[in-house]
Amino acid sequence: MTQVLELQFETAAGKTATFAIDAPKPKVTAEEIQKVMQTIIAKDVFEGQAGALVTMTGARIVDRQVTEFDLEIE
């Protein structure tokens, strides 16, 4: 099972920006996530075509299970 922490922001243009962080630390807290997201906004670290990140809209951990098959490819 793999986990991804998704951080969701609203941009200056009113669009949603999502950042995915692979393998977040176990037992990460909402307070830790909120602090990091506030820092990202305050430091104006990222800016895309939709403008700067202006507010937090959500965060979630996504669990997924991947099953790989060993195929004989000729």
PDB file of N, CA and C in Angstrom:
ATOM      1  N   MET A   1       0.843  -1.167   0.000  1.00  0.00           N
ATOM      2  CA  MET A   1       0.000   0.000   0.000  1.00  0.00           C
ATOM      3  C   MET A   1       0.894   1.238   0.000  1.00  0.00           C
ATOM      4  N   THR A   2       0.610   2.169  -0.858  1.00  0.00           N
ATOM      5  CA  THR A   2       1.355   3.420  -0.900  1.00  0.00           C
ATOM      6  C   THR A   2       0.437   4.556  -0.475  1.00  0.00           C
ATOM      7  N   GLN A   3       1.040   5.575   0.103  1.00  0.00           N
ATOM      8  CA  GLN A   3       0.279   6.738   0.536  1.00  0.00           C
ATOM      9  C   GLN A   3       0.827   7.988  -0.117  1.00  0.00           C
ATOM     10  N   VAL A   4      -0.091   8.922  -0.390  1.00  0.00           N
ATOM     11  CA  VAL A   4       0.265  10.232  -0.931  1.00  0.00           C
ATOM     12  C   VAL A   4      -0.490  11.272  -0.118  1.00  0.00           C
ATOM     13  N   LEU A   5       0.223  12.298   0.323  1.00  0.00           N
ATOM     14  CA  LEU A   5      -0.406  13.429   0.994  1.00  0.00           C
ATOM     15  C   LEU A   5      -0.673  14.487  -0.067  1.00  0.00           C
ATOM     16  N   GLU A   6      -1.937  14.865  -0.234  1.00  0.00           N
ATOM     17  CA  GLU A   6      -2.307  15.894  -1.208  1.00  0.00           C
ATOM     18  C   GLU A   6      -2.634  17.186  -0.474  1.00  0.00           C
ATOM     19  N   LEU A   7      -1.954  18.268  -0.863  1.00  0.00           N
ATOM     20  CA  LEU A   7      -2.200  19.596  -0.317  1.00  0.00           C
ATOM     21  C   LEU A   7      -2.952  20.395  -1.378  1.00  0.00           C
ATOM     22  N   GLN A   8      -4.099  20.941  -1.012  1.00  0.00           N
ATOM     23  CA  GLN A   8      -4.947  21.643  -1.970  1.00  0.00           C
ATOM     24  C   GLN A   8      -5.027  23.126  -1.618  1.00  0.00           C
ATOM     25  N   PHE A   9      -4.806  23.963  -2.636  1.00  0.00           N
ATOM     26  CA  PHE A   9      -4.808  25.415  -2.472  1.00  0.00           C
ATOM     27  C   PHE A   9      -5.710  26.058  -3.512  1.00  0.00           C
ATOM     28  N   GLU A  10      -6.157  27.263  -3.221  1.00  0.00           N
ATOM     29  CA  GLU A  10      -6.816  28.093  -4.224  1.00  0.00           C
ATOM     30  C   GLU A  10      -5.789  29.104  -4.701  1.00  0.00           C
ATOM     31  N   THR A  11      -5.783  29.366  -6.013  1.00  0.00           N
ATOM     32  CA  THR A  11      -4.839  30.318  -6.587  1.00  0.00           C
ATOM     33  C   THR A  11      -5.478  31.692  -6.722  1.00  0.00           C
ATOM     34  N   ALA A  12      -4.660  32.669  -7.078  1.00  0.00           N
ATOM     35  CA  ALA A  12      -5.146  34.040  -7.267  1.00  0.00           C
ATOM     36  C   ALA A  12      -6.206  34.113  -8.358  1.00  0.00           C
ATOM     37  N   ALA A  13      -6.180  33.182  -9.302  1.00  0.00           N
ATOM     38  CA  ALA A  13      -7.150  33.161 -10.391  1.00  0.00           C
ATOM     39  C   ALA A  13      -8.403  32.356 -10.027  1.00  0.00           C
ATOM     40  N   GLY A  14      -8.498  31.896  -8.777  1.00  0.00           N
ATOM     41  CA  GLY A  14      -9.666  31.142  -8.357  1.00  0.00           C
ATOM     42  C   GLY A  14      -9.649  29.674  -8.750  1.00  0.00           C
ATOM     43  N   LYS A  15      -8.512  29.182  -9.184  1.00  0.00           N
ATOM     44  CA  LYS A  15      -8.387  27.773  -9.577  1.00  0.00           C
ATOM     45  C   LYS A  15      -7.834  26.968  -8.402  1.00  0.00           C
ATOM     46  N   THR A  16      -7.921  25.648  -8.527  1.00  0.00           N
ATOM     47  CA  THR A  16      -7.384  24.765  -7.501  1.00  0.00           C
ATOM     48  C   THR A  16      -6.025  24.233  -7.932  1.00  0.00           C
ATOM     49  N   ALA A  17      -5.069  24.284  -7.003  1.00  0.00           N
ATOM     50  CA  ALA A  17      -3.743  23.703  -7.231  1.00  0.00           C
ATOM     51  C   ALA A  17      -3.539  22.615  -6.187  1.00  0.00           C
ATOM     52  N   THR A  18      -3.072  21.453  -6.619  1.00  0.00           N
ATOM     53  CA  THR A  18      -2.851  20.330  -5.718  1.00  0.00           C
ATOM     54  C   THR A  18      -1.404  19.877  -5.814  1.00  0.00           C
ATOM     55  N   PHE A  19      -0.778  19.721  -4.666  1.00  0.00           N
ATOM     56  CA  PHE A  19       0.578  19.206  -4.594  1.00  0.00           C
ATOM     57  C   PHE A  19       0.525  17.841  -3.934  1.00  0.00           C
ATOM     58  N   ALA A  20       1.201  16.862  -4.521  1.00  0.00           N
ATOM     59  CA  ALA A  20       1.210  15.503  -3.996  1.00  0.00           C
ATOM     60  C   ALA A  20       2.588  15.196  -3.429  1.00  0.00           C
ATOM     61  N   ILE A  21       2.590  14.693  -2.199  1.00  0.00           N
ATOM     62  CA  ILE A  21       3.831  14.341  -1.521  1.00  0.00           C
ATOM     63  C   ILE A  21       3.791  12.836  -1.259  1.00  0.00           C
ATOM     64  N   ASP A  22       4.717  12.119  -1.880  1.00  0.00           N
ATOM     65  CA  ASP A  22       4.777  10.665  -1.714  1.00  0.00           C
ATOM     66  C   ASP A  22       5.284  10.298  -0.328  1.00  0.00           C
ATOM     67  N   ALA A  23       4.742   9.231   0.211  1.00  0.00           N
ATOM     68  CA  ALA A  23       5.188   8.620   1.462  1.00  0.00           C
ATOM     69  C   ALA A  23       5.319   9.632   2.602  1.00  0.00           C
ATOM     70  N   PRO A  24       4.215  10.271   2.994  1.00  0.00           N
ATOM     71  CA  PRO A  24       4.297  11.205   4.120  1.00  0.00           C
ATOM     72  C   PRO A  24       4.674  10.461   5.404  1.00  0.00           C
ATOM     73  N   LYS A  25       5.218  11.199   6.357  1.00  0.00           N
ATOM     74  CA  LYS A  25       5.621  10.542   7.601  1.00  0.00           C
ATOM     75  C   LYS A  25       4.392   9.947   8.292  1.00  0.00           C
ATOM     76  N   PRO A  26       4.590   8.839   8.968  1.00  0.00           N
ATOM     77  CA  PRO A  26       3.465   8.210   9.670  1.00  0.00           C
ATOM     78  C   PRO A  26       2.917   9.148  10.746  1.00  0.00           C
ATOM     79  N   LYS A  27       1.638   9.115  10.933  1.00  0.00           N
ATOM     80  CA  LYS A  27       0.956   9.878  11.974  1.00  0.00           C
ATOM     81  C   LYS A  27       1.158  11.392  11.857  1.00  0.00           C
ATOM     82  N   VAL A  28       1.263  11.908  10.628  1.00  0.00           N
ATOM     83  CA  VAL A  28       1.337  13.348  10.439  1.00  0.00           C
ATOM     84  C   VAL A  28       0.025  13.947  10.948  1.00  0.00           C
ATOM     85  N   THR A  29       0.095  15.113  11.582  1.00  0.00           N
ATOM     86  CA  THR A  29      -1.104  15.712  12.172  1.00  0.00           C
ATOM     87  C   THR A  29      -1.648  16.840  11.310  1.00  0.00           C
ATOM     88  N   ALA A  30      -2.905  17.159  11.528  1.00  0.00           N
ATOM     89  CA  ALA A  30      -3.537  18.271  10.813  1.00  0.00           C
ATOM     90  C   ALA A  30      -2.810  19.577  11.120  1.00  0.00           C
ATOM     91  N   GLU A  31      -2.354  19.749  12.349  1.00  0.00           N
ATOM     92  CA  GLU A  31      -1.641  20.968  12.727  1.00  0.00           C
ATOM     93  C   GLU A  31      -0.328  21.108  11.956  1.00  0.00           C
ATOM     94  N   GLU A  32       0.394  19.995  11.790  1.00  0.00           N
ATOM     95  CA  GLU A  32       1.649  20.029  11.031  1.00  0.00           C
ATOM     96  C   GLU A  32       1.386  20.379   9.570  1.00  0.00           C
ATOM     97  N   ILE A  33       0.365  19.776   9.010  1.00  0.00           N
ATOM     98  CA  ILE A  33       0.023  20.033   7.609  1.00  0.00           C
ATOM     99  C   ILE A  33      -0.376  21.494   7.432  1.00  0.00           C
ATOM    100  N   GLN A  34      -1.206  22.002   8.321  1.00  0.00           N
ATOM    101  CA  GLN A  34      -1.661  23.387   8.223  1.00  0.00           C
ATOM    102  C   GLN A  34      -0.485  24.357   8.322  1.00  0.00           C
ATOM    103  N   LYS A  35       0.440  24.094   9.225  1.00  0.00           N
ATOM    104  CA  LYS A  35       1.615  24.960   9.384  1.00  0.00           C
ATOM    105  C   LYS A  35       2.447  25.000   8.099  1.00  0.00           C
ATOM    106  N   VAL A  36       2.656  23.837   7.499  1.00  0.00           N
ATOM    107  CA  VAL A  36       3.433  23.772   6.249  1.00  0.00           C
ATOM    108  C   VAL A  36       2.706  24.520   5.133  1.00  0.00           C
ATOM    109  N   MET A  37       1.390  24.314   5.034  1.00  0.00           N
ATOM    110  CA  MET A  37       0.629  24.984   3.976  1.00  0.00           C
ATOM    111  C   MET A  37       0.650  26.510   4.161  1.00  0.00           C
ATOM    112  N   GLN A  38       0.551  26.969   5.408  1.00  0.00           N
ATOM    113  CA  GLN A  38       0.624  28.407   5.680  1.00  0.00           C
ATOM    114  C   GLN A  38       1.989  28.971   5.298  1.00  0.00           C
ATOM    115  N   THR A  39       3.039  28.202   5.565  1.00  0.00           N
ATOM    116  CA  THR A  39       4.390  28.631   5.199  1.00  0.00           C
ATOM    117  C   THR A  39       4.545  28.725   3.690  1.00  0.00           C
ATOM    118  N   ILE A  40       4.013  27.746   2.966  1.00  0.00           N
ATOM    119  CA  ILE A  40       4.093  27.761   1.498  1.00  0.00           C
ATOM    120  C   ILE A  40       3.410  29.015   0.951  1.00  0.00           C
ATOM    121  N   ILE A  41       2.245  29.360   1.496  1.00  0.00           N
ATOM    122  CA  ILE A  41       1.525  30.555   1.046  1.00  0.00           C
ATOM    123  C   ILE A  41       2.298  31.811   1.426  1.00  0.00           C
ATOM    124  N   ALA A  42       2.742  31.908   2.668  1.00  0.00           N
ATOM    125  CA  ALA A  42       3.419  33.114   3.165  1.00  0.00           C
ATOM    126  C   ALA A  42       4.727  33.400   2.438  1.00  0.00           C
ATOM    127  N   LYS A  43       5.474  32.347   2.123  1.00  0.00           N
ATOM    128  CA  LYS A  43       6.770  32.519   1.458  1.00  0.00           C
ATOM    129  C   LYS A  43       6.630  32.651  -0.051  1.00  0.00           C
ATOM    130  N   ASP A  44       5.403  32.463  -0.561  1.00  0.00           N
ATOM    131  CA  ASP A  44       5.130  32.584  -1.998  1.00  0.00           C
ATOM    132  C   ASP A  44       6.095  31.710  -2.806  1.00  0.00           C
ATOM    133  N   VAL A  45       6.186  30.439  -2.381  1.00  0.00           N
ATOM    134  CA  VAL A  45       7.149  29.499  -2.947  1.00  0.00           C
ATOM    135  C   VAL A  45       6.806  29.094  -4.372  1.00  0.00           C
ATOM    136  N   PHE A  46       5.522  28.882  -4.665  1.00  0.00           N
ATOM    137  CA  PHE A  46       5.105  28.384  -5.971  1.00  0.00           C
ATOM    138  C   PHE A  46       4.174  29.381  -6.641  1.00  0.00           C
ATOM    139  N   GLU A  47       4.317  29.495  -7.957  1.00  0.00           N
ATOM    140  CA  GLU A  47       3.377  30.282  -8.749  1.00  0.00           C
ATOM    141  C   GLU A  47       3.301  29.665 -10.134  1.00  0.00           C
ATOM    142  N   GLY A  48       2.100  29.374 -10.556  1.00  0.00           N
ATOM    143  CA  GLY A  48       1.899  28.768 -11.868  1.00  0.00           C
ATOM    144  C   GLY A  48       1.140  29.708 -12.772  1.00  0.00           C
ATOM    145  N   GLN A  49       0.595  29.171 -13.825  1.00  0.00           N
ATOM    146  CA  GLN A  49      -0.164  29.979 -14.780  1.00  0.00           C
ATOM    147  C   GLN A  49      -1.392  30.604 -14.140  1.00  0.00           C
ATOM    148  N   ALA A  50      -1.917  29.978 -13.085  1.00  0.00           N
ATOM    149  CA  ALA A  50      -3.123  30.481 -12.420  1.00  0.00           C
ATOM    150  C   ALA A  50      -2.783  31.451 -11.292  1.00  0.00           C
ATOM    151  N   GLY A  51      -1.526  31.848 -11.182  1.00  0.00           N
ATOM    152  CA  GLY A  51      -1.129  32.818 -10.175  1.00  0.00           C
ATOM    153  C   GLY A  51      -0.663  32.185  -8.887  1.00  0.00           C
ATOM    154  N   ALA A  52      -0.431  33.037  -7.907  1.00  0.00           N
ATOM    155  CA  ALA A  52       0.084  32.604  -6.614  1.00  0.00           C
ATOM    156  C   ALA A  52      -0.963  31.828  -5.826  1.00  0.00           C
ATOM    157  N   LEU A  53      -0.484  31.042  -4.881  1.00  0.00           N
ATOM    158  CA  LEU A  53      -1.379  30.330  -3.978  1.00  0.00           C
ATOM    159  C   LEU A  53      -1.851  31.322  -2.925  1.00  0.00           C
ATOM    160  N   VAL A  54      -3.167  31.403  -2.710  1.00  0.00           N
ATOM    161  CA  VAL A  54      -3.688  32.425  -1.804  1.00  0.00           C
ATOM    162  C   VAL A  54      -4.368  31.866  -0.559  1.00  0.00           C
ATOM    163  N   THR A  55      -4.880  30.649  -0.610  1.00  0.00           N
ATOM    164  CA  THR A  55      -5.547  30.083   0.556  1.00  0.00           C
ATOM    165  C   THR A  55      -5.523  28.559   0.514  1.00  0.00           C
ATOM    166  N   MET A  56      -5.612  27.967   1.698  1.00  0.00           N
ATOM    167  CA  MET A  56      -5.693  26.512   1.805  1.00  0.00           C
ATOM    168  C   MET A  56      -7.142  26.094   1.581  1.00  0.00           C
ATOM    169  N   THR A  57      -7.337  25.020   0.835  1.00  0.00           N
ATOM    170  CA  THR A  57      -8.702  24.525   0.649  1.00  0.00           C
ATOM    171  C   THR A  57      -8.878  23.115   1.191  1.00  0.00           C
ATOM    172  N   GLY A  58      -7.786  22.389   1.425  1.00  0.00           N
ATOM    173  CA  GLY A  58      -7.917  21.049   1.980  1.00  0.00           C
ATOM    174  C   GLY A  58      -6.618  20.276   1.926  1.00  0.00           C
ATOM    175  N   ALA A  59      -6.631  19.160   2.614  1.00  0.00           N
ATOM    176  CA  ALA A  59      -5.504  18.231   2.598  1.00  0.00           C
ATOM    177  C   ALA A  59      -6.069  16.848   2.855  1.00  0.00           C
ATOM    178  N   ARG A  60      -5.431  15.859   2.255  1.00  0.00           N
ATOM    179  CA  ARG A  60      -5.900  14.489   2.456  1.00  0.00           C
ATOM    180  C   ARG A  60      -4.771  13.509   2.179  1.00  0.00           C
ATOM    181  N   ILE A  61      -4.874  12.361   2.822  1.00  0.00           N
ATOM    182  CA  ILE A  61      -3.954  11.266   2.532  1.00  0.00           C
ATOM    183  C   ILE A  61      -4.722  10.262   1.695  1.00  0.00           C
ATOM    184  N   VAL A  62      -4.131   9.902   0.569  1.00  0.00           N
ATOM    185  CA  VAL A  62      -4.735   8.945  -0.354  1.00  0.00           C
ATOM    186  C   VAL A  62      -3.950   7.645  -0.259  1.00  0.00           C
ATOM    187  N   ASP A  63      -4.652   6.554   0.053  1.00  0.00           N
ATOM    188  CA  ASP A  63      -4.048   5.223   0.092  1.00  0.00           C
ATOM    189  C   ASP A  63      -4.375   4.508  -1.206  1.00  0.00           C
ATOM    190  N   ARG A  64      -3.383   3.844  -1.757  1.00  0.00           N
ATOM    191  CA  ARG A  64      -3.677   3.023  -2.933  1.00  0.00           C
ATOM    192  C   ARG A  64      -2.838   1.766  -2.884  1.00  0.00           C
ATOM    193  N   GLN A  65      -3.414   0.735  -3.413  1.00  0.00           N
ATOM    194  CA  GLN A  65      -2.727  -0.550  -3.461  1.00  0.00           C
ATOM    195  C   GLN A  65      -2.418  -0.868  -4.911  1.00  0.00           C
ATOM    196  N   VAL A  66      -1.177  -1.211  -5.162  1.00  0.00           N
ATOM    197  CA  VAL A  66      -0.737  -1.525  -6.516  1.00  0.00           C
ATOM    198  C   VAL A  66      -0.318  -2.989  -6.560  1.00  0.00           C
ATOM    199  N   THR A  67      -0.844  -3.713  -7.520  1.00  0.00           N
ATOM    200  CA  THR A  67      -0.450  -5.104  -7.733  1.00  0.00           C
ATOM    201  C   THR A  67       0.201  -5.196  -9.107  1.00  0.00           C
ATOM    202  N   GLU A  68       1.471  -5.573  -9.115  1.00  0.00           N
ATOM    203  CA  GLU A  68       2.187  -5.702 -10.382  1.00  0.00           C
ATOM    204  C   GLU A  68       2.226  -7.166 -10.786  1.00  0.00           C
ATOM    205  N   PHE A  69       2.193  -7.399 -12.086  1.00  0.00           N
ATOM    206  CA  PHE A  69       2.263  -8.750 -12.629  1.00  0.00           C
ATOM    207  C   PHE A  69       3.593  -8.924 -13.341  1.00  0.00           C
ATOM    208  N   ASP A  70       4.191 -10.078 -13.156  1.00  0.00           N
ATOM    209  CA  ASP A  70       5.443 -10.398 -13.839  1.00  0.00           C
ATOM    210  C   ASP A  70       5.073 -11.012 -15.195  1.00  0.00           C
ATOM    211  N   LEU A  71       5.209 -10.242 -16.252  1.00  0.00           N
ATOM    212  CA  LEU A  71       4.841 -10.696 -17.597  1.00  0.00           C
ATOM    213  C   LEU A  71       6.090 -11.085 -18.380  1.00  0.00           C
ATOM    214  N   GLU A  72       5.966 -12.132 -19.128  1.00  0.00           N
ATOM    215  CA  GLU A  72       7.052 -12.513 -20.029  1.00  0.00           C
ATOM    216  C   GLU A  72       6.837 -11.783 -21.338  1.00  0.00           C
ATOM    217  N   ILE A  73       7.686 -10.836 -21.600  1.00  0.00           N
ATOM    218  CA  ILE A  73       7.562 -10.028 -22.816  1.00  0.00           C
ATOM    219  C   ILE A  73       8.674 -10.420 -23.775  1.00  0.00           C
ATOM    220  N   GLU A  74       8.266 -10.776 -24.977  1.00  0.00           N
ATOM    221  CA  GLU A  74       9.244 -11.224 -25.981  1.00  0.00           C
ATOM    222  C   GLU A  74       9.575 -10.110 -26.927  1.00  0.00           C
TER     223      GLU A  74
END
